[in-house]
Amino acid sequence: MVLIDGDEKVSDGVSLHTLPDGSKHKGVLYCFKDQAGKWQYVKSDEMETREAELPDICFALKYPVEDLETRQFPDLSEFKDSVDSEKTEHGV
C-alpha cells in the first residue's frame, strides 16, 4: 500500500446525497412518503425546524442511494402497525 498526501480523503463524499431537485446534502438524510405517495426529505441540518413533519417511523440514510425515487422500499406503515400491535400486546 502506498499512501500519499492528497486533496481528497477516502471519506469525502461518503454521505453526500443528491436530491431529486439536484440540490446536495452532506449528512444524514431522512425520507418518507407522504399521504399522496410522494417522497419528502428532511436534511439533518433541518431537523430542529422540521422534526414535527417526520412520521413515527421513517428512513434515515447515511450513505447516498442513487435514483432514490424509483427504488422500491418497504411500506413503513405496515411495519408501524406491527410495532403498535406488539406494544399493545405487551402493555407498553
Protein backbone atom coordinates (compact mmCIF):
# COMPACT_ATOMS: atom_id res chain seq x y z
CA MET A 1 0.00 0.00 0.00
CA VAL A 2 1.29 3.44 -0.88
CA LEU A 3 -0.06 6.45 0.98
CA ILE A 4 0.26 9.92 -0.40
CA ASP A 5 -0.98 13.25 0.83
CA GLY A 6 -3.79 14.43 -1.43
CA ASP A 7 -6.55 16.96 -1.62
CA GLU A 8 -9.28 14.37 -1.13
CA LYS A 9 -9.87 11.91 1.67
CA VAL A 10 -11.31 8.45 1.13
CA SER A 11 -14.28 9.52 3.22
CA ASP A 12 -15.02 12.64 1.11
CA GLY A 13 -18.45 12.37 -0.45
CA VAL A 14 -19.43 9.28 1.53
CA SER A 15 -22.54 10.92 2.93
CA LEU A 16 -23.12 13.37 0.07
CA HIS A 17 -26.70 12.94 -1.14
CA THR A 18 -28.03 14.32 -4.41
CA LEU A 19 -31.71 15.04 -4.06
CA PRO A 20 -34.14 14.77 -7.00
CA ASP A 21 -34.22 18.56 -7.35
CA GLY A 22 -30.43 18.50 -7.90
CA SER A 23 -29.54 20.00 -4.53
CA LYS A 24 -26.81 18.37 -2.45
CA HIS A 25 -26.76 17.47 1.21
CA LYS A 26 -23.92 16.10 3.30
CA GLY A 27 -25.03 14.20 6.38
CA VAL A 28 -27.97 12.01 7.31
CA LEU A 29 -30.99 12.36 5.06
CA TYR A 30 -34.42 11.46 6.47
CA CYS A 31 -37.08 10.47 3.97
CA PHE A 32 -40.62 9.20 3.91
CA LYS A 33 -43.62 9.09 1.62
CA ASP A 34 -46.45 11.50 2.35
CA GLN A 35 -50.18 10.67 2.13
CA ALA A 36 -50.08 11.15 -1.65
CA GLY A 37 -47.14 8.73 -2.01
CA LYS A 38 -44.62 11.50 -2.80
CA TRP A 39 -41.15 11.32 -1.23
CA GLN A 40 -40.41 14.00 1.35
CA TYR A 41 -36.88 14.78 2.53
CA VAL A 42 -35.61 16.31 5.75
CA LYS A 43 -31.91 17.14 5.88
CA SER A 44 -30.02 16.63 9.14
CA ASP A 45 -29.38 20.36 9.43
CA GLU A 46 -33.16 20.98 9.17
CA MET A 47 -34.13 18.61 11.99
CA GLU A 48 -34.69 21.29 14.62
CA THR A 49 -37.23 23.13 12.48
CA ARG A 50 -38.82 20.21 10.61
CA GLU A 51 -38.76 17.32 13.09
CA ALA A 52 -42.53 17.57 13.63
CA GLU A 53 -43.06 16.73 9.93
CA LEU A 54 -41.45 13.30 10.31
CA PRO A 55 -43.76 10.34 10.79
CA ASP A 56 -43.20 7.97 13.75
CA ILE A 57 -41.09 5.71 11.52
CA CYS A 58 -39.08 6.90 8.52
CA PHE A 59 -35.90 6.09 6.63
CA ALA A 60 -32.60 7.64 7.74
CA LEU A 61 -29.93 7.37 5.06
CA LYS A 62 -26.28 7.82 5.95
CA TYR A 63 -24.99 6.78 2.54
CA PRO A 64 -26.36 8.06 -0.77
CA VAL A 65 -28.88 5.99 -2.72
CA GLU A 66 -28.93 6.52 -6.47
CA ASP A 67 -32.32 7.03 -8.11
CA LEU A 68 -34.00 7.14 -4.71
CA GLU A 69 -37.43 7.96 -6.08
CA THR A 70 -37.50 4.94 -8.40
CA ARG A 71 -36.35 2.40 -5.80
CA GLN A 72 -38.75 0.04 -4.09
CA PHE A 73 -38.75 0.46 -0.31
CA PRO A 74 -40.79 -1.44 2.28
CA ASP A 75 -44.07 0.11 3.33
CA LEU A 76 -43.27 1.52 6.76
CA SER A 77 -46.92 1.95 7.69
CA GLU A 78 -47.28 -1.85 7.79
CA PHE A 79 -44.18 -2.08 9.99
CA LYS A 80 -45.54 0.64 12.29
CA ASP A 81 -48.86 -1.20 12.60
CA SER A 82 -46.94 -4.35 13.56
CA VAL A 83 -44.90 -2.49 16.19
CA ASP A 84 -48.00 -0.80 17.57
CA SER A 85 -49.86 -4.11 17.90
CA GLU A 86 -46.87 -5.70 19.67
CA LYS A 87 -46.72 -2.76 22.07
CA THR A 88 -50.41 -3.21 22.82
CA GLU A 89 -49.97 -6.98 23.38
CA HIS A 90 -47.14 -6.39 25.84
CA GLY A 91 -48.79 -3.45 27.58
CA VAL A 92 -46.11 -0.96 26.55
